[in-house]
Structure formats: C-alpha cells, structure tokens
Amino acid sequence: MADLSAEDNKLVVLARATRARTRAAEGAAVRDSDGRTYAAATVDLPSLQLSAVQVCIGMAVASGSRGLEALVLLGEAEAMTEPDAAAVRDFAGDAVVIHLADPAGKLR
C-alpha cells in the first residue's frame, strides 16, 4: 500500500476490518469533504440489498455530508458496478479518488 496516502490507507484498514467483522462480500470506506470517514459492508437481507458503497454514501448523506474526497472498495470484483459508480457521481461528482482492492486490501 505504498502508493496510498496515510488518509487513504486508513480507508483500506477501515474497509478491511468492516468486511472481516461482518463476513460480507464487500467492504467499503469513504472520506467526506469534511474529513469524516464512514465504513460499511454489503447488506444482503431478503428485504434489503445494498452494496457497501451504497451504505457508505447513505451514511454520509444522512450525516449531512456534502461530498466525498476518496473511496476504497474491497471485494472480488475487478471494477465498481455501474449502480455504485452512479451513486458516487450523483453525490460527489467525478473528482472522487477511488481505490479498488482485493478482499485482503491489496490494490488492483
């Protein structure tokens, strides 16, 4: 993780810990434009399915955040899904730094 700033590395650690704790398919963490961080895992209930990115964005919005600086997504996928990418664009625009990593936190 040498290519990451200390703040982005913190996001990797948070996403990894959240994913491991919940045994979810994905873990994500974001840093909002005020420097606050939010970490989440996939929600997969019979009545509710949300990606880890969607949960993070929902948490940020509900906390009054006005945008994102950075996002980390850990999981098996090689790319972010279009619904996740659309949610990031809708909330924060195209300037968000996005890091994709495998479940262990190794950057892709």
N, C-alpha and C. Protein backbone atom coordinates (compact mmCIF):
# COMPACT_ATOMS: atom_id res chain seq x y z
N MET A 1 0.80 -1.18 0.00
CA MET A 1 0.00 0.00 0.00
C MET A 1 0.86 1.26 0.00
N ALA A 2 2.02 1.16 -0.53
CA ALA A 2 2.95 2.28 -0.54
C ALA A 2 2.45 3.44 -1.39
N ASP A 3 1.57 3.19 -2.38
CA ASP A 3 1.07 4.23 -3.25
C ASP A 3 -0.02 5.08 -2.61
N LEU A 4 -0.46 4.72 -1.43
CA LEU A 4 -1.55 5.42 -0.79
C LEU A 4 -1.06 6.45 0.21
N SER A 5 -1.81 7.54 0.32
CA SER A 5 -1.54 8.49 1.39
C SER A 5 -1.95 7.83 2.71
N ALA A 6 -1.51 8.40 3.80
CA ALA A 6 -1.87 7.86 5.12
C ALA A 6 -3.39 7.87 5.30
N GLU A 7 -4.04 8.91 4.81
CA GLU A 7 -5.50 9.01 4.96
C GLU A 7 -6.22 7.95 4.12
N ASP A 8 -5.72 7.69 2.91
CA ASP A 8 -6.33 6.66 2.08
C ASP A 8 -6.02 5.26 2.63
N ASN A 9 -4.85 5.08 3.20
CA ASN A 9 -4.53 3.81 3.83
C ASN A 9 -5.48 3.54 4.99
N LYS A 10 -5.85 4.58 5.73
CA LYS A 10 -6.82 4.44 6.81
C LYS A 10 -8.14 3.89 6.28
N LEU A 11 -8.54 4.35 5.09
CA LEU A 11 -9.77 3.84 4.48
C LEU A 11 -9.67 2.36 4.17
N VAL A 12 -8.51 1.92 3.70
CA VAL A 12 -8.31 0.49 3.43
C VAL A 12 -8.47 -0.31 4.72
N VAL A 13 -7.84 0.16 5.78
CA VAL A 13 -7.91 -0.53 7.08
C VAL A 13 -9.36 -0.60 7.57
N LEU A 14 -10.08 0.50 7.47
CA LEU A 14 -11.48 0.52 7.91
C LEU A 14 -12.35 -0.42 7.08
N ALA A 15 -12.19 -0.40 5.77
CA ALA A 15 -12.99 -1.26 4.90
C ALA A 15 -12.67 -2.73 5.15
N ARG A 16 -11.41 -3.00 5.33
CA ARG A 16 -10.99 -4.39 5.57
C ARG A 16 -11.55 -4.91 6.90
N ALA A 17 -11.47 -4.11 7.94
CA ALA A 17 -11.97 -4.51 9.26
C ALA A 17 -13.49 -4.71 9.24
N THR A 18 -14.19 -3.81 8.56
CA THR A 18 -15.64 -3.92 8.48
C THR A 18 -16.05 -5.17 7.72
N ARG A 19 -15.40 -5.44 6.59
CA ARG A 19 -15.71 -6.62 5.80
C ARG A 19 -15.43 -7.89 6.59
N ALA A 20 -14.30 -7.93 7.28
CA ALA A 20 -13.93 -9.12 8.06
C ALA A 20 -14.89 -9.34 9.21
N ARG A 21 -15.26 -8.27 9.89
CA ARG A 21 -16.15 -8.38 11.06
C ARG A 21 -17.52 -8.92 10.66
N THR A 22 -18.00 -8.53 9.51
CA THR A 22 -19.35 -8.92 9.08
C THR A 22 -19.36 -10.12 8.14
N ARG A 23 -18.18 -10.50 7.67
CA ARG A 23 -18.04 -11.60 6.69
C ARG A 23 -18.86 -11.33 5.43
N ALA A 24 -18.88 -10.08 5.04
CA ALA A 24 -19.66 -9.66 3.88
C ALA A 24 -18.87 -9.83 2.59
N ALA A 25 -19.57 -9.76 1.48
CA ALA A 25 -18.92 -9.88 0.17
C ALA A 25 -18.00 -8.70 -0.12
N GLU A 26 -18.39 -7.51 0.35
CA GLU A 26 -17.61 -6.30 0.09
C GLU A 26 -17.46 -5.50 1.37
N GLY A 27 -16.41 -4.73 1.41
CA GLY A 27 -16.22 -3.71 2.44
C GLY A 27 -15.86 -2.43 1.74
N ALA A 28 -16.33 -1.33 2.25
CA ALA A 28 -16.01 -0.03 1.65
C ALA A 28 -15.81 0.99 2.76
N ALA A 29 -15.08 2.02 2.43
CA ALA A 29 -14.91 3.16 3.32
C ALA A 29 -14.75 4.41 2.47
N VAL A 30 -15.28 5.50 2.97
CA VAL A 30 -15.18 6.77 2.27
C VAL A 30 -14.71 7.84 3.24
N ARG A 31 -14.11 8.88 2.68
CA ARG A 31 -13.78 10.09 3.43
C ARG A 31 -14.55 11.23 2.79
N ASP A 32 -15.33 11.94 3.59
CA ASP A 32 -16.13 13.01 3.01
C ASP A 32 -15.33 14.30 2.90
N SER A 33 -15.94 15.32 2.36
CA SER A 33 -15.24 16.58 2.11
C SER A 33 -14.88 17.32 3.39
N ASP A 34 -15.41 16.89 4.53
CA ASP A 34 -15.04 17.46 5.83
C ASP A 34 -14.01 16.61 6.56
N GLY A 35 -13.55 15.51 5.93
CA GLY A 35 -12.56 14.64 6.55
C GLY A 35 -13.12 13.52 7.40
N ARG A 36 -14.45 13.44 7.50
CA ARG A 36 -15.07 12.35 8.27
C ARG A 36 -15.04 11.06 7.45
N THR A 37 -14.91 9.93 8.15
CA THR A 37 -14.87 8.64 7.47
C THR A 37 -16.09 7.81 7.83
N TYR A 38 -16.48 6.99 6.87
CA TYR A 38 -17.60 6.08 7.04
C TYR A 38 -17.18 4.74 6.44
N ALA A 39 -17.42 3.66 7.15
CA ALA A 39 -17.10 2.32 6.66
C ALA A 39 -18.35 1.46 6.72
N ALA A 40 -18.48 0.58 5.75
CA ALA A 40 -19.68 -0.26 5.68
C ALA A 40 -19.37 -1.55 4.94
N ALA A 41 -20.30 -2.48 5.09
CA ALA A 41 -20.22 -3.76 4.40
C ALA A 41 -21.50 -3.96 3.60
N THR A 42 -21.48 -4.93 2.73
CA THR A 42 -22.65 -5.29 1.95
C THR A 42 -23.80 -5.65 2.89
N VAL A 43 -25.01 -5.19 2.54
CA VAL A 43 -26.22 -5.60 3.25
C VAL A 43 -26.97 -6.54 2.32
N ASP A 44 -27.18 -7.77 2.76
CA ASP A 44 -27.85 -8.76 1.92
C ASP A 44 -28.92 -9.48 2.74
N LEU A 45 -30.04 -8.80 2.90
CA LEU A 45 -31.20 -9.34 3.61
C LEU A 45 -32.27 -9.69 2.59
N PRO A 46 -33.20 -10.57 2.94
CA PRO A 46 -34.27 -10.87 1.99
C PRO A 46 -35.03 -9.63 1.51
N SER A 47 -35.19 -8.66 2.39
CA SER A 47 -35.97 -7.47 2.04
C SER A 47 -35.14 -6.25 1.68
N LEU A 48 -33.80 -6.34 1.78
CA LEU A 48 -32.96 -5.19 1.52
C LEU A 48 -31.58 -5.64 1.03
N GLN A 49 -31.19 -5.17 -0.15
CA GLN A 49 -29.87 -5.45 -0.69
C GLN A 49 -29.20 -4.12 -1.05
N LEU A 50 -28.05 -3.87 -0.40
CA LEU A 50 -27.27 -2.66 -0.68
C LEU A 50 -25.81 -3.05 -0.77
N SER A 51 -25.11 -2.42 -1.68
CA SER A 51 -23.67 -2.64 -1.76
C SER A 51 -23.00 -1.87 -0.62
N ALA A 52 -21.77 -2.20 -0.35
CA ALA A 52 -21.02 -1.49 0.68
C ALA A 52 -20.86 -0.02 0.32
N VAL A 53 -20.65 0.27 -0.95
CA VAL A 53 -20.53 1.67 -1.40
C VAL A 53 -21.84 2.42 -1.16
N GLN A 54 -22.96 1.81 -1.49
CA GLN A 54 -24.25 2.45 -1.29
C GLN A 54 -24.51 2.73 0.19
N VAL A 55 -24.13 1.81 1.06
CA VAL A 55 -24.31 2.04 2.50
C VAL A 55 -23.44 3.21 2.96
N CYS A 56 -22.18 3.25 2.52
CA CYS A 56 -21.29 4.36 2.89
C CYS A 56 -21.86 5.69 2.44
N ILE A 57 -22.33 5.76 1.21
CA ILE A 57 -22.89 7.01 0.70
C ILE A 57 -24.14 7.38 1.49
N GLY A 58 -24.98 6.42 1.77
CA GLY A 58 -26.16 6.68 2.58
C GLY A 58 -25.82 7.22 3.95
N MET A 59 -24.80 6.66 4.58
CA MET A 59 -24.36 7.14 5.89
C MET A 59 -23.86 8.57 5.79
N ALA A 60 -23.08 8.86 4.76
CA ALA A 60 -22.54 10.21 4.58
C ALA A 60 -23.67 11.22 4.35
N VAL A 61 -24.61 10.87 3.50
CA VAL A 61 -25.73 11.77 3.22
C VAL A 61 -26.54 12.00 4.50
N ALA A 62 -26.83 10.93 5.23
CA ALA A 62 -27.62 11.04 6.45
C ALA A 62 -26.91 11.85 7.54
N SER A 63 -25.59 11.94 7.44
CA SER A 63 -24.81 12.72 8.41
C SER A 63 -24.63 14.17 7.99
N GLY A 64 -25.18 14.53 6.85
CA GLY A 64 -25.10 15.91 6.40
C GLY A 64 -23.90 16.23 5.52
N SER A 65 -23.18 15.21 5.09
CA SER A 65 -22.03 15.44 4.23
C SER A 65 -22.47 16.05 2.90
N ARG A 66 -21.56 16.84 2.31
CA ARG A 66 -21.86 17.48 1.03
C ARG A 66 -21.04 16.91 -0.12
N GLY A 67 -20.18 15.91 0.16
CA GLY A 67 -19.39 15.32 -0.91
C GLY A 67 -18.34 14.37 -0.38
N LEU A 68 -17.63 13.74 -1.30
CA LEU A 68 -16.60 12.78 -0.95
C LEU A 68 -15.26 13.19 -1.54
N GLU A 69 -14.20 12.86 -0.83
CA GLU A 69 -12.84 13.03 -1.35
C GLU A 69 -12.30 11.72 -1.89
N ALA A 70 -12.54 10.63 -1.15
CA ALA A 70 -11.93 9.34 -1.52
C ALA A 70 -12.83 8.19 -1.12
N LEU A 71 -12.66 7.08 -1.83
CA LEU A 71 -13.43 5.87 -1.61
C LEU A 71 -12.52 4.67 -1.79
N VAL A 72 -12.67 3.69 -0.93
CA VAL A 72 -11.98 2.41 -1.08
C VAL A 72 -13.03 1.32 -1.11
N LEU A 73 -12.93 0.40 -2.07
CA LEU A 73 -13.84 -0.73 -2.19
C LEU A 73 -13.03 -2.01 -2.22
N LEU A 74 -13.28 -2.90 -1.27
CA LEU A 74 -12.61 -4.20 -1.21
C LEU A 74 -13.60 -5.29 -1.57
N GLY A 75 -13.17 -6.21 -2.42
CA GLY A 75 -14.02 -7.34 -2.79
C GLY A 75 -13.40 -8.11 -3.94
N GLU A 76 -14.17 -9.03 -4.46
CA GLU A 76 -13.69 -9.88 -5.55
C GLU A 76 -13.79 -9.22 -6.91
N ALA A 77 -14.67 -8.24 -7.05
CA ALA A 77 -14.90 -7.62 -8.36
C ALA A 77 -13.68 -6.83 -8.82
N GLU A 78 -13.44 -6.83 -10.09
CA GLU A 78 -12.33 -6.09 -10.68
C GLU A 78 -12.66 -4.62 -10.91
N ALA A 79 -13.96 -4.29 -10.88
CA ALA A 79 -14.39 -2.92 -11.13
C ALA A 79 -15.61 -2.62 -10.28
N MET A 80 -15.88 -1.36 -10.09
CA MET A 80 -17.07 -0.94 -9.38
C MET A 80 -18.27 -1.15 -10.29
N THR A 81 -19.40 -1.53 -9.72
CA THR A 81 -20.61 -1.71 -10.53
C THR A 81 -21.12 -0.36 -11.01
N GLU A 82 -21.89 -0.37 -12.06
CA GLU A 82 -22.46 0.87 -12.58
C GLU A 82 -23.38 1.54 -11.56
N PRO A 83 -24.23 0.80 -10.82
CA PRO A 83 -25.04 1.48 -9.80
C PRO A 83 -24.18 2.16 -8.73
N ASP A 84 -23.08 1.54 -8.32
CA ASP A 84 -22.19 2.18 -7.35
C ASP A 84 -21.53 3.42 -7.94
N ALA A 85 -21.04 3.30 -9.16
CA ALA A 85 -20.40 4.44 -9.82
C ALA A 85 -21.40 5.58 -9.99
N ALA A 86 -22.64 5.26 -10.33
CA ALA A 86 -23.67 6.29 -10.49
C ALA A 86 -23.96 6.98 -9.16
N ALA A 87 -24.00 6.22 -8.08
CA ALA A 87 -24.25 6.81 -6.76
C ALA A 87 -23.12 7.76 -6.38
N VAL A 88 -21.88 7.36 -6.67
CA VAL A 88 -20.74 8.23 -6.37
C VAL A 88 -20.84 9.52 -7.19
N ARG A 89 -21.13 9.39 -8.48
CA ARG A 89 -21.25 10.57 -9.34
C ARG A 89 -22.39 11.48 -8.88
N ASP A 90 -23.55 10.88 -8.56
CA ASP A 90 -24.71 11.66 -8.12
C ASP A 90 -24.40 12.46 -6.86
N PHE A 91 -23.69 11.85 -5.94
CA PHE A 91 -23.43 12.50 -4.67
C PHE A 91 -22.21 13.40 -4.69
N ALA A 92 -21.17 12.98 -5.38
CA ALA A 92 -19.89 13.67 -5.23
C ALA A 92 -19.22 14.09 -6.53
N GLY A 93 -19.80 13.79 -7.65
CA GLY A 93 -19.18 14.18 -8.91
C GLY A 93 -18.10 13.21 -9.36
N ASP A 94 -17.27 13.66 -10.29
CA ASP A 94 -16.26 12.80 -10.90
C ASP A 94 -14.87 12.93 -10.30
N ALA A 95 -14.69 13.81 -9.33
CA ALA A 95 -13.34 14.06 -8.80
C ALA A 95 -12.97 13.18 -7.61
N VAL A 96 -13.80 12.21 -7.28
CA VAL A 96 -13.52 11.34 -6.14
C VAL A 96 -12.39 10.38 -6.48
N VAL A 97 -11.42 10.28 -5.59
CA VAL A 97 -10.33 9.29 -5.75
C VAL A 97 -10.90 7.94 -5.36
N ILE A 98 -10.81 6.97 -6.26
CA ILE A 98 -11.37 5.64 -6.00
C ILE A 98 -10.25 4.62 -6.06
N HIS A 99 -10.15 3.82 -5.00
CA HIS A 99 -9.18 2.73 -4.93
C HIS A 99 -9.95 1.42 -4.85
N LEU A 100 -9.64 0.49 -5.74
CA LEU A 100 -10.21 -0.85 -5.71
C LEU A 100 -9.16 -1.80 -5.19
N ALA A 101 -9.58 -2.74 -4.35
CA ALA A 101 -8.63 -3.69 -3.77
C ALA A 101 -9.28 -5.05 -3.64
N ASP A 102 -8.45 -6.07 -3.52
CA ASP A 102 -8.96 -7.41 -3.27
C ASP A 102 -9.42 -7.49 -1.81
N PRO A 103 -10.02 -8.62 -1.41
CA PRO A 103 -10.52 -8.74 -0.03
C PRO A 103 -9.45 -8.55 1.05
N ALA A 104 -8.20 -8.79 0.74
CA ALA A 104 -7.13 -8.61 1.72
C ALA A 104 -6.63 -7.17 1.78
N GLY A 105 -7.10 -6.33 0.87
CA GLY A 105 -6.67 -4.93 0.87
C GLY A 105 -5.58 -4.60 -0.11
N LYS A 106 -5.18 -5.57 -0.95
CA LYS A 106 -4.15 -5.33 -1.96
C LYS A 106 -4.79 -4.57 -3.13
N LEU A 107 -4.22 -3.42 -3.45
CA LEU A 107 -4.76 -2.59 -4.51
C LEU A 107 -4.69 -3.28 -5.86
N ARG A 108 -5.68 -3.01 -6.69
CA ARG A 108 -5.71 -3.57 -8.06
C ARG A 108 -5.01 -2.62 -9.00
